[in-house]
Amino acid sequence: MEIKTECPFCGGEMITIIEDGRQNCCMCQDCYAQGPTASSKVGAVEGWNDRA
């Protein structure tokens, strides 16, 4: 699963997956926008890629 590289808010291309032990989410490193949380990295990427 590949992260779409552009942030829908600022157009930033530095998107990373953040893990806190049980939850994962994708976050833009330019504006710090976060996608939905998920229990897996794949779920976090899917949530980021399928955002409205």
C-alpha atoms as a PDB file:
ATOM      1  CA  MET A   1       0.000   0.000   0.000  1.00  0.00           C
ATOM      2  CA  GLU A   2       1.459   3.310  -1.078  1.00  0.00           C
ATOM      3  CA  ILE A   3       0.718   6.654   0.579  1.00  0.00           C
ATOM      4  CA  LYS A   4      -0.626   9.304  -1.794  1.00  0.00           C
ATOM      5  CA  THR A   5       2.104  11.883  -1.714  1.00  0.00           C
ATOM      6  CA  GLU A   6       0.143  15.111  -1.616  1.00  0.00           C
ATOM      7  CA  CYS A   7      -1.529  16.559   1.481  1.00  0.00           C
ATOM      8  CA  PRO A   8      -5.092  17.713   0.687  1.00  0.00           C
ATOM      9  CA  PHE A   9      -4.663  20.728   2.982  1.00  0.00           C
ATOM     10  CA  CYS A  10      -1.285  22.232   2.121  1.00  0.00           C
ATOM     11  CA  GLY A  11      -0.037  20.202  -0.862  1.00  0.00           C
ATOM     12  CA  GLY A  12       2.933  18.953   1.175  1.00  0.00           C
ATOM     13  CA  GLU A  13       4.620  15.784  -0.004  1.00  0.00           C
ATOM     14  CA  MET A  14       6.237  14.631   3.260  1.00  0.00           C
ATOM     15  CA  ILE A  15       3.636  12.178   4.623  1.00  0.00           C
ATOM     16  CA  THR A  16       4.669   9.740   7.370  1.00  0.00           C
ATOM     17  CA  ILE A  17       2.979   7.013   9.377  1.00  0.00           C
ATOM     18  CA  ILE A  18       2.786   7.740  13.107  1.00  0.00           C
ATOM     19  CA  GLU A  19       2.563   4.794  15.535  1.00  0.00           C
ATOM     20  CA  ASP A  20       1.737   4.987  19.221  1.00  0.00           C
ATOM     21  CA  GLY A  21       1.795   1.279  20.018  1.00  0.00           C
ATOM     22  CA  ARG A  22      -1.845   0.461  19.281  1.00  0.00           C
ATOM     23  CA  GLN A  23      -2.997   3.093  16.798  1.00  0.00           C
ATOM     24  CA  ASN A  24      -1.521   4.330  13.522  1.00  0.00           C
ATOM     25  CA  CYS A  25      -2.227   7.371  11.379  1.00  0.00           C
ATOM     26  CA  CYS A  26      -0.660   9.255   8.495  1.00  0.00           C
ATOM     27  CA  MET A  27       0.530  12.798   9.120  1.00  0.00           C
ATOM     28  CA  CYS A  28       1.747  15.605   6.889  1.00  0.00           C
ATOM     29  CA  GLN A  29       5.116  16.846   8.130  1.00  0.00           C
ATOM     30  CA  ASP A  30       4.510  20.318   6.657  1.00  0.00           C
ATOM     31  CA  CYS A  31       1.136  21.273   8.212  1.00  0.00           C
ATOM     32  CA  TYR A  32       0.703  18.373  10.690  1.00  0.00           C
ATOM     33  CA  ALA A  33      -2.694  17.354   9.298  1.00  0.00           C
ATOM     34  CA  GLN A  34      -3.562  13.808  10.342  1.00  0.00           C
ATOM     35  CA  GLY A  35      -5.653  11.145   8.694  1.00  0.00           C
ATOM     36  CA  PRO A  36      -7.968   8.762  10.523  1.00  0.00           C
ATOM     37  CA  THR A  37      -6.506   6.352  13.075  1.00  0.00           C
ATOM     38  CA  ALA A  38      -6.407   2.620  12.432  1.00  0.00           C
ATOM     39  CA  SER A  39      -5.129  -0.485  14.177  1.00  0.00           C
ATOM     40  CA  SER A  40      -2.646  -1.216  11.368  1.00  0.00           C
ATOM     41  CA  LYS A  41      -0.306   0.722   9.097  1.00  0.00           C
ATOM     42  CA  VAL A  42      -2.225  -0.509   6.056  1.00  0.00           C
ATOM     43  CA  GLY A  43      -5.476   0.775   7.561  1.00  0.00           C
ATOM     44  CA  ALA A  44      -3.894   4.160   8.267  1.00  0.00           C
ATOM     45  CA  VAL A  45      -2.665   4.446   4.677  1.00  0.00           C
ATOM     46  CA  GLU A  46      -6.066   3.411   3.318  1.00  0.00           C
ATOM     47  CA  GLY A  47      -7.722   6.053   5.507  1.00  0.00           C
ATOM     48  CA  TRP A  48      -5.333   8.739   4.255  1.00  0.00           C
ATOM     49  CA  ASN A  49      -5.740   7.733   0.625  1.00  0.00           C
ATOM     50  CA  ASP A  50      -9.557   7.548   0.838  1.00  0.00           C
ATOM     51  CA  ARG A  51     -10.061  10.880   2.597  1.00  0.00           C
ATOM     52  CA  ALA A  52     -12.887  13.132   1.497  1.00  0.00           C
END
